[in-house]
Amino acid sequence: MENTGRVFLMLAFLCGAMEYASDGGRAWRERMRLWLQETLNHRVYDPTIEAKRIFSAEELAGLATWKTTDVERFRRVMRVAIMRDLDVMANQADYVVCLWDEAAMRGGGTHAELTAANRKGIPVYMVTEIPAEQISGWILACVDRLFVNFEELKSFLATTYGREARQHALWK
């Protein structure tokens, strides 16, 4: 949630695999974050950036090994991230953008975040190439709209939220 001196309207929560994603889930989030900020003037919660803020370098480096070598330490550190993510979801997020892929299906955080969003009535917009019949019914029930790619999602978001961004520009 970088501050560039601009006034941002809404908060988008970027949800998807990190633990099992080949790049830790960074690349798609970076592209989406920039688009949301530049096109819609929205704030963005990116857990890949947040992890760098809340964890020390030692914690970031140690998580993967602590999962099997020091489970209690792993839990203590991960619970900080879990609490932060769920707090932002419950108290700040206006909508969720989720990338649902094989890596997300393997993890647990995405499932929890989608459930938390659904419980709070926060709209969830999911991008996935996985056929609906292969996605858990629980997950599908948490989703408001499915998209086959990010361009389709961006078109929807621009139509849905773009008017707000244009109106805000008029107020300046």
C-alpha atoms as a PDB file:
ATOM      1  CA  MET A   1       0.000   0.000   0.000  1.00  0.00           C
ATOM      2  CA  GLU A   2       2.453   2.571  -1.229  1.00  0.00           C
ATOM      3  CA  ASN A   3       1.649   6.249  -0.844  1.00  0.00           C
ATOM      4  CA  THR A   4       2.415   8.253  -3.968  1.00  0.00           C
ATOM      5  CA  GLY A   5       0.809  11.463  -2.705  1.00  0.00           C
ATOM      6  CA  ARG A   6      -2.447  10.672  -4.490  1.00  0.00           C
ATOM      7  CA  VAL A   7      -5.734  10.167  -2.681  1.00  0.00           C
ATOM      8  CA  PHE A   8      -6.937   6.602  -3.155  1.00  0.00           C
ATOM      9  CA  LEU A   9     -10.527   5.550  -2.889  1.00  0.00           C
ATOM     10  CA  MET A  10     -11.030   1.827  -2.359  1.00  0.00           C
ATOM     11  CA  LEU A  11      -8.836  -1.013  -1.108  1.00  0.00           C
ATOM     12  CA  ALA A  12      -8.340  -4.087  -3.272  1.00  0.00           C
ATOM     13  CA  PHE A  13      -7.007  -7.194  -1.511  1.00  0.00           C
ATOM     14  CA  LEU A  14      -4.840  -9.379  -3.798  1.00  0.00           C
ATOM     15  CA  CYS A  15      -5.425 -13.009  -2.905  1.00  0.00           C
ATOM     16  CA  GLY A  16      -3.735 -16.103  -4.288  1.00  0.00           C
ATOM     17  CA  ALA A  17      -0.971 -18.612  -3.803  1.00  0.00           C
ATOM     18  CA  MET A  18       2.314 -17.619  -2.248  1.00  0.00           C
ATOM     19  CA  GLU A  19       3.744 -20.698  -0.560  1.00  0.00           C
ATOM     20  CA  TYR A  20       3.469 -22.997  -3.581  1.00  0.00           C
ATOM     21  CA  ALA A  21       3.658 -20.376  -6.342  1.00  0.00           C
ATOM     22  CA  SER A  22       6.880 -20.520  -8.354  1.00  0.00           C
ATOM     23  CA  ASP A  23       7.629 -16.823  -7.749  1.00  0.00           C
ATOM     24  CA  GLY A  24       5.893 -16.565  -4.386  1.00  0.00           C
ATOM     25  CA  GLY A  25       2.905 -14.968  -6.117  1.00  0.00           C
ATOM     26  CA  ARG A  26       4.755 -11.718  -6.769  1.00  0.00           C
ATOM     27  CA  ALA A  27       4.594 -11.175 -10.543  1.00  0.00           C
ATOM     28  CA  TRP A  28       0.824 -11.147 -11.099  1.00  0.00           C
ATOM     29  CA  ARG A  29       0.295  -9.084  -7.960  1.00  0.00           C
ATOM     30  CA  GLU A  30       2.826  -6.471  -9.080  1.00  0.00           C
ATOM     31  CA  ARG A  31       1.134  -6.096 -12.481  1.00  0.00           C
ATOM     32  CA  MET A  32      -2.328  -5.955 -10.932  1.00  0.00           C
ATOM     33  CA  ARG A  33      -1.268  -3.545  -8.173  1.00  0.00           C
ATOM     34  CA  LEU A  34       0.136  -1.075 -10.683  1.00  0.00           C
ATOM     35  CA  TRP A  35      -2.949  -1.291 -12.897  1.00  0.00           C
ATOM     36  CA  LEU A  36      -5.344  -0.790  -9.963  1.00  0.00           C
ATOM     37  CA  GLN A  37      -3.407   2.198  -8.675  1.00  0.00           C
ATOM     38  CA  GLU A  38      -2.856   3.849 -12.046  1.00  0.00           C
ATOM     39  CA  THR A  39      -6.205   3.105 -13.676  1.00  0.00           C
ATOM     40  CA  LEU A  40      -8.689   3.102 -10.801  1.00  0.00           C
ATOM     41  CA  ASN A  41      -6.775   5.086  -8.190  1.00  0.00           C
ATOM     42  CA  HIS A  42      -7.365   2.263  -5.691  1.00  0.00           C
ATOM     43  CA  ARG A  43      -5.206   1.276  -2.748  1.00  0.00           C
ATOM     44  CA  VAL A  44      -3.900  -2.294  -2.854  1.00  0.00           C
ATOM     45  CA  TYR A  45      -3.119  -4.782  -0.120  1.00  0.00           C
ATOM     46  CA  ASP A  46      -0.447  -7.118  -1.466  1.00  0.00           C
ATOM     47  CA  PRO A  47       0.578  -9.787   1.060  1.00  0.00           C
ATOM     48  CA  THR A  48       3.879 -10.352  -0.753  1.00  0.00           C
ATOM     49  CA  ILE A  49       4.836  -6.747   0.004  1.00  0.00           C
ATOM     50  CA  GLU A  50       3.323  -6.861   3.476  1.00  0.00           C
ATOM     51  CA  ALA A  51       5.440  -9.918   4.366  1.00  0.00           C
ATOM     52  CA  LYS A  52       8.582  -7.841   3.784  1.00  0.00           C
ATOM     53  CA  ARG A  53       7.229  -5.205   6.156  1.00  0.00           C
ATOM     54  CA  ILE A  54       6.162  -7.428   9.036  1.00  0.00           C
ATOM     55  CA  PHE A  55       8.910 -10.079   8.952  1.00  0.00           C
ATOM     56  CA  SER A  56      12.604  -9.633   9.607  1.00  0.00           C
ATOM     57  CA  ALA A  57      15.099 -10.826   7.005  1.00  0.00           C
ATOM     58  CA  GLU A  58      15.872 -13.779   9.294  1.00  0.00           C
ATOM     59  CA  GLU A  59      12.196 -14.705   9.501  1.00  0.00           C
ATOM     60  CA  LEU A  60      11.696 -14.470   5.755  1.00  0.00           C
ATOM     61  CA  ALA A  61      14.740 -16.644   5.141  1.00  0.00           C
ATOM     62  CA  GLY A  62      13.862 -19.162   7.856  1.00  0.00           C
ATOM     63  CA  LEU A  63      10.189 -19.831   7.219  1.00  0.00           C
ATOM     64  CA  ALA A  64      10.669 -22.583   4.661  1.00  0.00           C
ATOM     65  CA  THR A  65      13.030 -24.584   6.873  1.00  0.00           C
ATOM     66  CA  TRP A  66      11.271 -23.842  10.178  1.00  0.00           C
ATOM     67  CA  LYS A  67       8.134 -25.478   8.777  1.00  0.00           C
ATOM     68  CA  THR A  68       9.863 -28.829   9.324  1.00  0.00           C
ATOM     69  CA  THR A  69      12.705 -28.048  11.742  1.00  0.00           C
ATOM     70  CA  ASP A  70      11.135 -25.636  14.244  1.00  0.00           C
ATOM     71  CA  VAL A  71       7.363 -25.913  13.988  1.00  0.00           C
ATOM     72  CA  GLU A  72       6.618 -23.713  17.007  1.00  0.00           C
ATOM     73  CA  ARG A  73       8.748 -20.874  15.653  1.00  0.00           C
ATOM     74  CA  PHE A  74       7.140 -21.318  12.239  1.00  0.00           C
ATOM     75  CA  ARG A  75       3.655 -21.082  13.776  1.00  0.00           C
ATOM     76  CA  ARG A  76       4.515 -17.972  15.801  1.00  0.00           C
ATOM     77  CA  VAL A  77       5.834 -16.163  12.758  1.00  0.00           C
ATOM     78  CA  MET A  78       3.084 -17.287  10.377  1.00  0.00           C
ATOM     79  CA  ARG A  79       0.343 -16.375  12.820  1.00  0.00           C
ATOM     80  CA  VAL A  80       1.473 -12.750  12.621  1.00  0.00           C
ATOM     81  CA  ALA A  81       0.873 -12.794   8.851  1.00  0.00           C
ATOM     82  CA  ILE A  82      -2.407 -14.663   9.203  1.00  0.00           C
ATOM     83  CA  MET A  83      -3.751 -12.190  11.742  1.00  0.00           C
ATOM     84  CA  ARG A  84      -2.628  -9.211   9.650  1.00  0.00           C
ATOM     85  CA  ASP A  85      -4.181 -10.560   6.440  1.00  0.00           C
ATOM     86  CA  LEU A  86      -7.478 -11.454   8.084  1.00  0.00           C
ATOM     87  CA  ASP A  87      -7.624  -8.118   9.902  1.00  0.00           C
ATOM     88  CA  VAL A  88      -7.136  -6.185   6.659  1.00  0.00           C
ATOM     89  CA  MET A  89      -9.701  -8.398   4.935  1.00  0.00           C
ATOM     90  CA  ALA A  90     -12.313  -7.933   7.657  1.00  0.00           C
ATOM     91  CA  ASN A  91     -11.778  -4.248   8.378  1.00  0.00           C
ATOM     92  CA  GLN A  92     -10.374  -2.535   5.295  1.00  0.00           C
ATOM     93  CA  ALA A  93     -10.882  -4.452   2.053  1.00  0.00           C
ATOM     94  CA  ASP A  94     -13.548  -3.242  -0.361  1.00  0.00           C
ATOM     95  CA  TYR A  95     -13.122  -6.117  -2.806  1.00  0.00           C
ATOM     96  CA  VAL A  96     -10.844  -9.080  -3.477  1.00  0.00           C
ATOM     97  CA  VAL A  97      -8.971 -10.001  -6.640  1.00  0.00           C
ATOM     98  CA  CYS A  98      -8.014 -13.672  -6.525  1.00  0.00           C
ATOM     99  CA  LEU A  99      -5.837 -15.748  -8.826  1.00  0.00           C
ATOM    100  CA  TRP A 100      -7.010 -19.343  -8.441  1.00  0.00           C
ATOM    101  CA  ASP A 101      -4.571 -21.878  -9.844  1.00  0.00           C
ATOM    102  CA  GLU A 102      -3.010 -25.223  -8.904  1.00  0.00           C
ATOM    103  CA  ALA A 103      -0.717 -23.523  -6.386  1.00  0.00           C
ATOM    104  CA  ALA A 104      -3.689 -21.835  -4.665  1.00  0.00           C
ATOM    105  CA  MET A 105      -5.498 -25.160  -4.460  1.00  0.00           C
ATOM    106  CA  ARG A 106      -2.499 -26.667  -2.617  1.00  0.00           C
ATOM    107  CA  GLY A 107      -2.228 -23.894  -0.033  1.00  0.00           C
ATOM    108  CA  GLY A 108      -4.529 -22.802   2.759  1.00  0.00           C
ATOM    109  CA  GLY A 109      -4.323 -19.018   2.987  1.00  0.00           C
ATOM    110  CA  THR A 110      -6.303 -18.314  -0.162  1.00  0.00           C
ATOM    111  CA  HIS A 111      -9.114 -20.575   1.044  1.00  0.00           C
ATOM    112  CA  ALA A 112      -9.233 -18.775   4.398  1.00  0.00           C
ATOM    113  CA  GLU A 113      -9.120 -15.309   2.842  1.00  0.00           C
ATOM    114  CA  LEU A 114     -11.957 -16.114   0.426  1.00  0.00           C
ATOM    115  CA  THR A 115     -14.043 -17.496   3.283  1.00  0.00           C
ATOM    116  CA  ALA A 116     -13.348 -14.381   5.377  1.00  0.00           C
ATOM    117  CA  ALA A 117     -14.346 -12.126   2.470  1.00  0.00           C
ATOM    118  CA  ASN A 118     -17.542 -14.069   1.932  1.00  0.00           C
ATOM    119  CA  ARG A 119     -18.413 -13.895   5.613  1.00  0.00           C
ATOM    120  CA  LYS A 120     -18.049 -10.091   5.560  1.00  0.00           C
ATOM    121  CA  GLY A 121     -19.936  -9.695   2.264  1.00  0.00           C
ATOM    122  CA  ILE A 122     -16.850  -8.426   0.428  1.00  0.00           C
ATOM    123  CA  PRO A 123     -17.041  -9.031  -3.346  1.00  0.00           C
ATOM    124  CA  VAL A 124     -14.571 -11.597  -4.680  1.00  0.00           C
ATOM    125  CA  TYR A 125     -13.443 -11.480  -8.305  1.00  0.00           C
ATOM    126  CA  MET A 126     -11.584 -14.631  -9.306  1.00  0.00           C
ATOM    127  CA  VAL A 127      -9.323 -15.192 -12.299  1.00  0.00           C
ATOM    128  CA  THR A 128      -8.876 -18.858 -13.149  1.00  0.00           C
ATOM    129  CA  GLU A 129      -8.304 -21.155 -16.086  1.00  0.00           C
ATOM    130  CA  ILE A 130      -9.465 -24.125 -14.019  1.00  0.00           C
ATOM    131  CA  PRO A 131     -12.923 -25.386 -15.045  1.00  0.00           C
ATOM    132  CA  ALA A 132     -15.592 -24.671 -12.417  1.00  0.00           C
ATOM    133  CA  GLU A 133     -16.329 -28.369 -11.966  1.00  0.00           C
ATOM    134  CA  GLN A 134     -12.736 -28.840 -10.718  1.00  0.00           C
ATOM    135  CA  ILE A 135     -12.981 -26.058  -8.128  1.00  0.00           C
ATOM    136  CA  SER A 136     -14.297 -26.778  -4.647  1.00  0.00           C
ATOM    137  CA  GLY A 137     -17.943 -25.861  -4.179  1.00  0.00           C
ATOM    138  CA  TRP A 138     -16.953 -24.003  -1.009  1.00  0.00           C
ATOM    139  CA  ILE A 139     -14.561 -21.798  -2.968  1.00  0.00           C
ATOM    140  CA  LEU A 140     -17.039 -21.172  -5.776  1.00  0.00           C
ATOM    141  CA  ALA A 141     -19.675 -20.163  -3.228  1.00  0.00           C
ATOM    142  CA  CYS A 142     -17.295 -17.473  -1.936  1.00  0.00           C
ATOM    143  CA  VAL A 143     -16.792 -15.971  -5.406  1.00  0.00           C
ATOM    144  CA  ASP A 144     -18.966 -13.244  -6.910  1.00  0.00           C
ATOM    145  CA  ARG A 145     -17.553 -13.289 -10.454  1.00  0.00           C
ATOM    146  CA  LEU A 146     -15.273 -15.665 -12.366  1.00  0.00           C
ATOM    147  CA  PHE A 147     -12.937 -14.465 -15.140  1.00  0.00           C
ATOM    148  CA  VAL A 148     -10.804 -16.501 -17.526  1.00  0.00           C
ATOM    149  CA  ASN A 149      -7.993 -13.931 -17.644  1.00  0.00           C
ATOM    150  CA  PHE A 150      -6.820 -10.654 -16.163  1.00  0.00           C
ATOM    151  CA  GLU A 151      -7.833  -8.609 -19.204  1.00  0.00           C
ATOM    152  CA  GLU A 152     -11.446  -9.693 -18.744  1.00  0.00           C
ATOM    153  CA  LEU A 153     -11.223  -8.820 -15.036  1.00  0.00           C
ATOM    154  CA  LYS A 154      -9.690  -5.414 -15.762  1.00  0.00           C
ATOM    155  CA  SER A 155     -12.470  -4.613 -18.217  1.00  0.00           C
ATOM    156  CA  PHE A 156     -15.050  -5.495 -15.558  1.00  0.00           C
ATOM    157  CA  LEU A 157     -13.270  -3.483 -12.840  1.00  0.00           C
ATOM    158  CA  ALA A 158     -12.887  -0.462 -15.133  1.00  0.00           C
ATOM    159  CA  THR A 159     -16.598  -0.559 -15.916  1.00  0.00           C
ATOM    160  CA  THR A 160     -17.630  -1.230 -12.310  1.00  0.00           C
ATOM    161  CA  TYR A 161     -15.244   1.104 -10.479  1.00  0.00           C
ATOM    162  CA  GLY A 162     -13.894   3.370 -13.216  1.00  0.00           C
ATOM    163  CA  ARG A 163     -16.697   5.896 -12.851  1.00  0.00           C
ATOM    164  CA  GLU A 164     -15.613   6.489  -9.243  1.00  0.00           C
ATOM    165  CA  ALA A 165     -12.022   7.124 -10.336  1.00  0.00           C
ATOM    166  CA  ARG A 166     -13.166   9.534 -13.065  1.00  0.00           C
ATOM    167  CA  GLN A 167     -15.507  11.317 -10.637  1.00  0.00           C
ATOM    168  CA  HIS A 168     -12.680  11.662  -8.087  1.00  0.00           C
ATOM    169  CA  ALA A 169     -10.474  13.254 -10.757  1.00  0.00           C
ATOM    170  CA  LEU A 170     -13.178  15.879 -11.307  1.00  0.00           C
ATOM    171  CA  TRP A 171     -13.136  16.795  -7.602  1.00  0.00           C
ATOM    172  CA  LYS A 172      -9.472  17.741  -7.657  1.00  0.00           C
END
